[in-house]
Amino acid sequence: CSETSNCLQGEFAEQSESADSYRGEQLGMLAIHLVLATMEEHYGEIPTASQIYCDNKGTIQTFSRKHKRVSATVANNDILRVLRRIQGKSKLHHRIQHVKAHQDDHFDLHMLDLEEQLNYNCDLRAKRAVKNACSRKGERSSTIYSLPMESAAVYIEGEKQTTDIAKALRYHIGKANARRFYADEKIMDNETFDSVTWEDLRNLLQRRPKMYQLWYGKQCSGFCGVGAMVSRWDKNESSKCPNCGVHETADHLNRCSNKIRRALLSDSLRDLIEWMEDHDTDPELTSWLPLYLQKQGHKLFVDLIHPARVKMNQRMRQVGHSLDKIGWRHVTEGKLSMALRSMQADYLRQSHTDVTIDNWMRGLIDQLLTLSHTQWLCRNLTKH
């Protein structure tokens, strides 16, 4: 209050697949509208000239419009439906104005207007809320709940849906079918399947072009253009690897013993180690994971012997056991274990870094798929 200097403030964090900076802006604006609507209902008074300030122009435009109908496919439709209910019940006429963000980067705090100072304080509290939420245990858990005045909500596998539910339904139905298929074909038992961080793999692949996703699907299924497959429909084609001459299946991609392919694998592993060192990776993972990949599946993770004769600690051995159950080839295809994710998440929390476990996992899987895709490109260049 500019007259009494009293201040009502608070912060909260949402942890979900829907959470991002724009949704954070909209949730903050909705919270202000809910507070004002509660005051109106409780006191029966209509505050005049209510001014709300925001540094996000997209949020200002969204909350300045009257929403007669909210499409099921629009993002953050739960927020918009609550806003529509508030607009339908309230007689308040808010004036939402823009305030420039990060003015403290250019001026001393005492030189800023009251609105700019309040915006600076909101930014600090928002960052603190996010960091506190990220530092808590159970980094995979969702904390998204039904909003005040929200009449209905749809949850799939414990995750609230805030946009078109078709995408999430397709994913979870496909995952259930894949789980059953993997078990029937003895690719993975159900326990091992459930230990894979499928969501991290999905988060990466949905950022990749359709043709890249198509290559990935063919490689994982084995129905890609390798010799064993091509020779089935063209009897004149050889089923041998164009580099080393052995019978070529999809499983052979990263196991080729050819000198050129081995050198390419070593280059990819050097890139992986450099990435791990640059992204606050647990030193144990940096030491052992590239070594495991270098063995091309000829040695179990738990049986590795480090060239420097250092011993694998107990937690790393547990992670290694989980990767051995998944399988070397599946690891090169980005199918990593919850145990690995948990180990790295604990390390990031202790490191006080801005790197999040979601971004780290996405980056690691990207490095693994790049390793495999590079081998595929080299194979094709040799063949054609």
Protein backbone atom coordinates (compact mmCIF):
# COMPACT_ATOMS: atom_id res chain seq x y z
CA CYS A 1 0.00 0.00 0.00
CA SER A 2 1.47 3.37 -1.02
CA GLU A 3 -0.12 5.05 2.01
CA THR A 4 0.47 2.56 4.84
CA SER A 5 3.44 0.64 3.35
CA ASN A 6 1.61 -2.59 4.21
CA CYS A 7 2.23 -5.46 1.83
CA LEU A 8 0.50 -8.77 1.12
CA GLN A 9 2.90 -11.20 -0.51
CA GLY A 10 3.38 -14.89 -1.08
CA GLU A 11 4.72 -17.43 -3.52
CA PHE A 12 4.02 -20.96 -4.67
CA ALA A 13 5.49 -23.39 -7.19
CA GLU A 14 3.84 -25.87 -9.50
CA GLN A 15 5.74 -29.02 -10.41
CA SER A 16 4.28 -30.75 -13.46
CA GLU A 17 4.74 -31.53 -17.14
CA SER A 18 2.77 -28.34 -17.90
CA ALA A 19 4.96 -26.02 -15.83
CA ASP A 20 6.90 -23.34 -17.71
CA SER A 21 7.65 -19.64 -17.35
CA TYR A 22 4.54 -18.51 -19.25
CA ARG A 23 2.22 -20.68 -17.17
CA GLY A 24 3.94 -19.22 -14.10
CA GLU A 25 3.05 -15.71 -15.26
CA GLN A 26 -0.56 -16.74 -15.83
CA LEU A 27 -0.84 -18.49 -12.46
CA GLY A 28 0.47 -15.37 -10.72
CA MET A 29 -2.05 -13.16 -12.51
CA LEU A 30 -4.86 -15.61 -11.71
CA ALA A 31 -3.87 -15.57 -8.03
CA ILE A 32 -4.25 -11.77 -7.96
CA HIS A 33 -7.68 -12.00 -9.60
CA LEU A 34 -8.75 -14.64 -7.08
CA VAL A 35 -7.65 -12.47 -4.14
CA LEU A 36 -9.57 -9.48 -5.48
CA ALA A 37 -12.64 -11.62 -6.23
CA THR A 38 -12.52 -13.00 -2.67
CA MET A 39 -12.35 -9.46 -1.25
CA GLU A 40 -15.33 -8.44 -3.34
CA GLU A 41 -17.36 -11.44 -2.20
CA HIS A 42 -16.39 -11.06 1.48
CA TYR A 43 -16.76 -7.30 1.91
CA GLY A 44 -19.44 -6.73 -0.68
CA GLU A 45 -17.54 -3.71 -1.91
CA ILE A 46 -16.20 -2.99 -5.36
CA PRO A 47 -12.74 -1.43 -5.22
CA THR A 48 -12.46 1.27 -7.82
CA ALA A 49 -9.44 1.88 -10.01
CA SER A 50 -7.83 -1.46 -9.24
CA GLN A 51 -4.50 -1.53 -11.02
CA ILE A 52 -2.55 -4.71 -11.72
CA TYR A 53 0.97 -4.64 -13.12
CA CYS A 54 2.67 -7.41 -15.08
CA ASP A 55 5.90 -7.62 -17.10
CA ASN A 56 4.52 -10.22 -19.55
CA LYS A 57 2.53 -8.72 -22.43
CA GLY A 58 1.06 -12.08 -23.48
CA THR A 59 -0.47 -12.55 -20.02
CA ILE A 60 -1.82 -8.98 -20.07
CA GLN A 61 -3.56 -9.62 -23.40
CA THR A 62 -5.01 -12.92 -22.18
CA PHE A 63 -6.43 -11.49 -18.95
CA SER A 64 -7.71 -8.30 -20.62
CA ARG A 65 -10.01 -10.26 -22.93
CA LYS A 66 -13.48 -11.55 -22.10
CA HIS A 67 -13.52 -15.33 -22.47
CA LYS A 68 -16.95 -16.57 -23.54
CA ARG A 69 -15.68 -20.03 -24.48
CA VAL A 70 -12.40 -21.83 -23.82
CA SER A 71 -11.22 -24.34 -26.41
CA ALA A 72 -10.16 -27.76 -25.16
CA THR A 73 -6.98 -27.59 -27.26
CA VAL A 74 -5.69 -24.24 -26.00
CA ALA A 75 -2.74 -24.28 -23.58
CA ASN A 76 -3.44 -23.61 -19.88
CA ASN A 77 -7.18 -24.02 -20.44
CA ASP A 78 -7.69 -24.70 -16.71
CA ILE A 79 -6.52 -21.16 -15.90
CA LEU A 80 -8.68 -19.63 -18.63
CA ARG A 81 -11.80 -21.46 -17.42
CA VAL A 82 -11.34 -20.14 -13.88
CA LEU A 83 -10.75 -16.66 -15.31
CA ARG A 84 -13.99 -16.95 -17.29
CA ARG A 85 -15.89 -17.82 -14.09
CA ILE A 86 -14.37 -14.85 -12.28
CA GLN A 87 -15.28 -12.55 -15.15
CA GLY A 88 -18.84 -13.87 -15.12
CA LYS A 89 -19.35 -13.29 -11.39
CA SER A 90 -17.29 -10.21 -10.62
CA LYS A 91 -18.23 -6.59 -11.20
CA LEU A 92 -14.63 -5.50 -10.89
CA HIS A 93 -13.00 -3.72 -13.78
CA HIS A 94 -9.28 -4.18 -13.45
CA ARG A 95 -6.79 -2.09 -15.33
CA ILE A 96 -3.85 -4.28 -16.23
CA GLN A 97 -0.74 -2.36 -17.15
CA HIS A 98 2.68 -3.35 -18.37
CA VAL A 99 5.81 -2.77 -16.30
CA LYS A 100 9.26 -3.23 -17.81
CA ALA A 101 11.10 -6.25 -16.49
CA HIS A 102 14.65 -6.40 -15.08
CA GLN A 103 14.99 -2.66 -14.60
CA ASP A 104 17.41 -3.39 -11.77
CA ASP A 105 19.91 -4.43 -14.46
CA HIS A 106 20.13 -0.82 -15.57
CA PHE A 107 19.32 1.29 -12.49
CA ASP A 108 19.86 1.18 -8.74
CA LEU A 109 16.87 -0.12 -6.82
CA HIS A 110 16.13 3.23 -5.12
CA MET A 111 15.84 4.89 -8.53
CA LEU A 112 13.01 2.62 -9.66
CA ASP A 113 9.29 3.42 -9.42
CA LEU A 114 7.18 1.58 -6.86
CA GLU A 115 5.74 -0.68 -9.56
CA GLU A 116 9.22 -1.58 -10.81
CA GLN A 117 10.44 -2.26 -7.28
CA LEU A 118 7.47 -4.53 -6.61
CA ASN A 119 8.12 -6.36 -9.89
CA TYR A 120 11.76 -6.82 -8.88
CA ASN A 121 10.62 -8.30 -5.55
CA CYS A 122 8.18 -10.63 -7.33
CA ASP A 123 10.97 -11.93 -9.56
CA LEU A 124 13.14 -12.67 -6.53
CA ARG A 125 10.35 -14.51 -4.73
CA ALA A 126 9.44 -16.49 -7.86
CA LYS A 127 13.04 -17.64 -8.38
CA ARG A 128 13.29 -18.61 -4.73
CA ALA A 129 10.06 -20.62 -4.91
CA VAL A 130 11.28 -22.51 -7.98
CA LYS A 131 14.69 -23.27 -6.44
CA ASN A 132 13.08 -24.46 -3.20
CA ALA A 133 10.73 -26.74 -5.15
CA CYS A 134 13.60 -28.16 -7.22
CA SER A 135 15.65 -28.86 -4.09
CA ARG A 136 12.96 -31.09 -2.58
CA LYS A 137 13.06 -34.86 -2.79
CA GLY A 138 10.83 -36.71 -5.26
CA GLU A 139 11.79 -34.63 -8.29
CA ARG A 140 9.43 -36.68 -10.49
CA SER A 141 6.33 -36.04 -8.39
CA SER A 142 3.63 -33.68 -9.57
CA THR A 143 2.27 -30.92 -7.33
CA ILE A 144 -0.40 -29.56 -9.66
CA TYR A 145 -3.83 -29.47 -8.06
CA SER A 146 -7.30 -28.28 -8.97
CA LEU A 147 -7.48 -24.50 -8.97
CA PRO A 148 -9.93 -22.48 -6.85
CA MET A 149 -13.27 -22.17 -8.64
CA GLU A 150 -12.28 -24.97 -11.03
CA SER A 151 -15.36 -27.15 -11.42
CA ALA A 152 -13.69 -30.17 -13.05
CA ALA A 153 -10.25 -31.46 -13.96
CA VAL A 154 -8.89 -34.44 -15.91
CA TYR A 155 -5.95 -36.45 -14.54
CA ILE A 156 -4.08 -39.14 -16.49
CA GLU A 157 -1.60 -41.25 -14.50
CA GLY A 158 -1.71 -38.62 -11.74
CA GLU A 159 -0.86 -35.77 -14.10
CA LYS A 160 -3.40 -32.98 -14.53
CA GLN A 161 -4.21 -32.18 -18.16
CA THR A 162 -4.08 -28.47 -18.98
CA THR A 163 -4.52 -28.71 -22.76
CA ASP A 164 -5.86 -31.21 -25.31
CA ILE A 165 -5.95 -34.60 -23.57
CA ALA A 166 -5.58 -36.57 -26.82
CA LYS A 167 -1.77 -36.32 -26.85
CA ALA A 168 -1.43 -37.63 -23.29
CA LEU A 169 -3.96 -40.40 -23.92
CA ARG A 170 -2.09 -41.57 -27.02
CA TYR A 171 1.19 -41.59 -25.10
CA HIS A 172 -0.07 -43.58 -22.11
CA ILE A 173 -2.05 -46.05 -24.23
CA GLY A 174 1.03 -46.55 -26.40
CA LYS A 175 3.21 -47.01 -23.34
CA ALA A 176 0.85 -49.65 -21.92
CA ASN A 177 0.86 -51.50 -25.25
CA ALA A 178 4.66 -51.30 -25.45
CA ARG A 179 4.99 -52.65 -21.90
CA ARG A 180 2.87 -55.66 -22.81
CA PHE A 181 4.73 -56.18 -26.12
CA TYR A 182 8.17 -55.99 -24.47
CA ALA A 183 7.12 -58.62 -21.95
CA ASP A 184 5.54 -60.95 -24.57
CA GLU A 185 8.61 -60.73 -26.82
CA LYS A 186 10.94 -61.14 -23.82
CA ILE A 187 12.67 -57.82 -24.59
CA MET A 188 12.17 -56.50 -21.05
CA ASP A 189 10.19 -57.81 -18.12
CA ASN A 190 7.63 -55.46 -16.59
CA GLU A 191 9.85 -54.52 -13.65
CA THR A 192 12.70 -53.48 -15.94
CA PHE A 193 10.32 -51.65 -18.28
CA ASP A 194 8.95 -49.64 -15.35
CA SER A 195 12.50 -48.71 -14.28
CA VAL A 196 13.18 -46.86 -17.56
CA THR A 197 12.80 -43.06 -17.63
CA TRP A 198 10.46 -43.08 -20.63
CA GLU A 199 9.28 -39.52 -19.93
CA ASP A 200 12.80 -38.15 -20.39
CA LEU A 201 13.11 -39.94 -23.72
CA ARG A 202 9.74 -38.57 -24.76
CA ASN A 203 10.76 -35.03 -23.75
CA LEU A 204 13.71 -35.21 -26.13
CA LEU A 205 12.03 -36.93 -29.08
CA GLN A 206 9.09 -34.54 -29.19
CA ARG A 207 11.62 -31.75 -29.81
CA ARG A 208 13.07 -33.59 -32.82
CA PRO A 209 11.84 -33.56 -36.47
CA LYS A 210 9.42 -36.24 -37.64
CA MET A 211 12.03 -37.89 -39.86
CA TYR A 212 14.40 -38.19 -36.88
CA GLN A 213 11.60 -39.78 -34.86
CA LEU A 214 10.97 -42.15 -37.77
CA TRP A 215 14.64 -43.18 -37.85
CA TYR A 216 14.56 -43.75 -34.09
CA GLY A 217 11.44 -45.90 -34.30
CA LYS A 218 12.94 -48.04 -37.07
CA GLN A 219 16.25 -48.45 -35.22
CA CYS A 220 14.60 -49.50 -31.96
CA SER A 221 12.21 -51.93 -33.66
CA GLY A 222 14.97 -53.41 -35.82
CA PHE A 223 13.01 -52.69 -39.01
CA CYS A 224 15.57 -50.29 -40.47
CA GLY A 225 17.55 -50.43 -43.71
CA VAL A 226 20.25 -52.80 -42.48
CA GLY A 227 21.51 -55.73 -44.54
CA ALA A 228 19.37 -58.34 -42.77
CA MET A 229 16.19 -56.42 -43.60
CA VAL A 230 17.03 -55.20 -47.11
CA SER A 231 18.05 -58.68 -48.23
CA ARG A 232 14.64 -60.04 -47.23
CA TRP A 233 12.84 -58.15 -49.99
CA ASP A 234 15.75 -57.82 -52.45
CA LYS A 235 17.54 -61.13 -52.83
CA ASN A 236 20.33 -59.45 -54.81
CA GLU A 237 21.29 -57.31 -51.81
CA SER A 238 23.92 -58.48 -49.34
CA SER A 239 23.00 -58.94 -45.69
CA LYS A 240 26.54 -58.05 -44.60
CA CYS A 241 27.72 -54.88 -42.87
CA PRO A 242 29.35 -52.57 -45.46
CA ASN A 243 32.16 -51.80 -43.00
CA CYS A 244 33.14 -55.08 -41.30
CA GLY A 245 31.38 -57.73 -43.42
CA VAL A 246 29.44 -59.57 -40.70
CA HIS A 247 25.69 -60.26 -40.83
CA GLU A 248 24.14 -56.84 -40.18
CA THR A 249 21.13 -56.31 -37.93
CA ALA A 250 20.00 -53.19 -36.07
CA ASP A 251 21.79 -54.52 -32.99
CA HIS A 252 25.08 -54.35 -34.92
CA LEU A 253 24.94 -50.55 -35.37
CA ASN A 254 27.08 -49.56 -32.37
CA ARG A 255 28.95 -52.88 -32.12
CA CYS A 256 30.77 -52.73 -35.48
CA SER A 257 34.43 -53.67 -35.12
CA ASN A 258 35.58 -51.77 -38.21
CA LYS A 259 38.51 -49.42 -37.51
CA ILE A 260 36.72 -46.37 -38.92
CA ARG A 261 33.54 -47.09 -36.97
CA ARG A 262 35.52 -47.72 -33.77
CA ALA A 263 37.35 -44.40 -34.21
CA LEU A 264 34.01 -42.65 -34.75
CA LEU A 265 32.68 -44.23 -31.55
CA SER A 266 35.75 -42.94 -29.67
CA ASP A 267 35.11 -39.43 -31.02
CA SER A 268 31.48 -39.61 -29.87
CA LEU A 269 32.56 -40.76 -26.41
CA ARG A 270 35.00 -37.85 -26.14
CA ASP A 271 32.13 -35.51 -26.98
CA LEU A 272 30.02 -37.25 -24.33
CA ILE A 273 32.71 -36.85 -21.65
CA GLU A 274 33.15 -33.17 -22.55
CA TRP A 275 29.39 -32.64 -22.30
CA MET A 276 29.23 -34.42 -18.94
CA GLU A 277 32.05 -32.30 -17.53
CA ASP A 278 30.37 -29.11 -18.74
CA HIS A 279 26.96 -29.97 -17.26
CA ASP A 280 27.66 -30.70 -13.60
CA THR A 281 27.63 -34.48 -13.90
CA ASP A 282 28.33 -36.74 -10.94
CA PRO A 283 32.06 -37.64 -11.26
CA GLU A 284 31.23 -41.33 -10.84
CA LEU A 285 28.95 -41.23 -13.86
CA THR A 286 31.57 -39.34 -15.87
CA SER A 287 34.13 -42.02 -15.02
CA TRP A 288 32.08 -45.16 -15.65
CA LEU A 289 29.32 -44.52 -18.21
CA PRO A 290 31.64 -43.75 -21.19
CA LEU A 291 33.73 -46.80 -20.26
CA TYR A 292 30.60 -48.95 -20.30
CA LEU A 293 29.66 -47.65 -23.76
CA GLN A 294 33.20 -48.17 -25.05
CA LYS A 295 32.99 -51.92 -24.37
CA GLN A 296 30.25 -52.21 -27.05
CA GLY A 297 28.17 -54.53 -24.89
CA HIS A 298 30.89 -57.14 -24.42
CA LYS A 299 31.10 -56.49 -20.67
CA LEU A 300 28.50 -55.90 -17.96
CA PHE A 301 28.59 -52.56 -16.19
CA VAL A 302 29.14 -54.14 -12.78
CA ASP A 303 32.13 -56.10 -14.14
CA LEU A 304 33.97 -53.06 -15.49
CA ILE A 305 37.58 -52.47 -14.45
CA HIS A 306 38.69 -48.85 -14.60
CA PRO A 307 42.06 -48.19 -16.31
CA ALA A 308 43.08 -46.07 -13.29
CA ARG A 309 42.25 -49.02 -10.97
CA VAL A 310 39.70 -46.96 -9.05
CA LYS A 311 36.82 -48.86 -7.46
CA MET A 312 33.17 -48.34 -8.27
CA ASN A 313 31.23 -47.06 -5.26
CA GLN A 314 28.14 -48.89 -4.04
CA ARG A 315 25.58 -46.49 -5.52
CA MET A 316 27.31 -46.51 -8.89
CA ARG A 317 27.23 -50.29 -8.78
CA GLN A 318 23.46 -50.17 -8.16
CA VAL A 319 23.05 -47.84 -11.14
CA GLY A 320 25.24 -50.15 -13.22
CA HIS A 321 23.10 -53.14 -12.26
CA SER A 322 19.96 -51.28 -13.37
CA LEU A 323 21.57 -50.47 -16.74
CA ASP A 324 22.69 -54.08 -17.17
CA LYS A 325 19.08 -55.18 -16.71
CA ILE A 326 17.95 -52.70 -19.37
CA GLY A 327 20.71 -53.80 -21.75
CA TRP A 328 23.64 -52.14 -23.50
CA ARG A 329 21.84 -51.62 -26.81
CA HIS A 330 18.81 -50.05 -25.11
CA VAL A 331 21.11 -47.67 -23.23
CA THR A 332 22.64 -46.49 -26.52
CA GLU A 333 19.06 -45.84 -27.64
CA GLY A 334 18.49 -43.48 -24.69
CA LYS A 335 16.60 -45.85 -22.42
CA LEU A 336 18.10 -44.99 -19.05
CA SER A 337 17.18 -46.06 -15.54
CA MET A 338 15.42 -44.27 -12.71
CA ALA A 339 18.40 -45.17 -10.52
CA LEU A 340 20.74 -43.17 -12.78
CA ARG A 341 18.35 -40.22 -12.79
CA SER A 342 18.05 -40.31 -8.99
CA MET A 343 21.82 -40.43 -8.51
CA GLN A 344 22.39 -37.43 -10.77
CA ALA A 345 19.45 -35.52 -9.24
CA ASP A 346 20.99 -35.88 -5.78
CA TYR A 347 24.32 -34.62 -7.10
CA LEU A 348 22.70 -31.57 -8.74
CA ARG A 349 20.90 -30.68 -5.50
CA GLN A 350 24.20 -30.73 -3.61
CA SER A 351 26.00 -28.73 -6.31
CA HIS A 352 23.75 -25.64 -6.09
CA THR A 353 23.70 -25.39 -9.87
CA ASP A 354 21.07 -23.98 -12.22
CA VAL A 355 21.12 -27.21 -14.24
CA THR A 356 17.85 -29.10 -13.71
CA ILE A 357 17.58 -32.86 -13.75
CA ASP A 358 15.06 -32.74 -16.62
CA ASN A 359 17.42 -30.71 -18.81
CA TRP A 360 20.39 -32.88 -17.82
CA MET A 361 18.60 -36.11 -18.68
CA ARG A 362 17.41 -34.69 -21.98
CA GLY A 363 20.98 -33.64 -22.78
CA LEU A 364 22.44 -37.04 -21.91
CA ILE A 365 19.88 -38.89 -24.02
CA ASP A 366 20.60 -36.48 -26.87
CA GLN A 367 24.31 -37.38 -26.62
CA LEU A 368 23.50 -41.11 -26.73
CA LEU A 369 21.17 -40.81 -29.73
CA THR A 370 23.72 -38.62 -31.51
CA LEU A 371 26.29 -41.37 -30.97
CA SER A 372 23.95 -43.92 -32.58
CA HIS A 373 22.83 -41.61 -35.39
CA THR A 374 26.44 -40.77 -36.26
CA GLN A 375 27.17 -44.48 -36.65
CA TRP A 376 24.12 -44.82 -38.90
CA LEU A 377 25.25 -41.93 -41.13
CA CYS A 378 28.76 -43.37 -41.41
CA ARG A 379 27.36 -46.78 -42.32
CA ASN A 380 25.17 -45.27 -45.05
CA LEU A 381 28.01 -43.20 -46.50
CA THR A 382 30.08 -46.37 -46.78
CA LYS A 383 27.19 -48.33 -48.31
CA HIS A 384 26.13 -45.75 -50.86
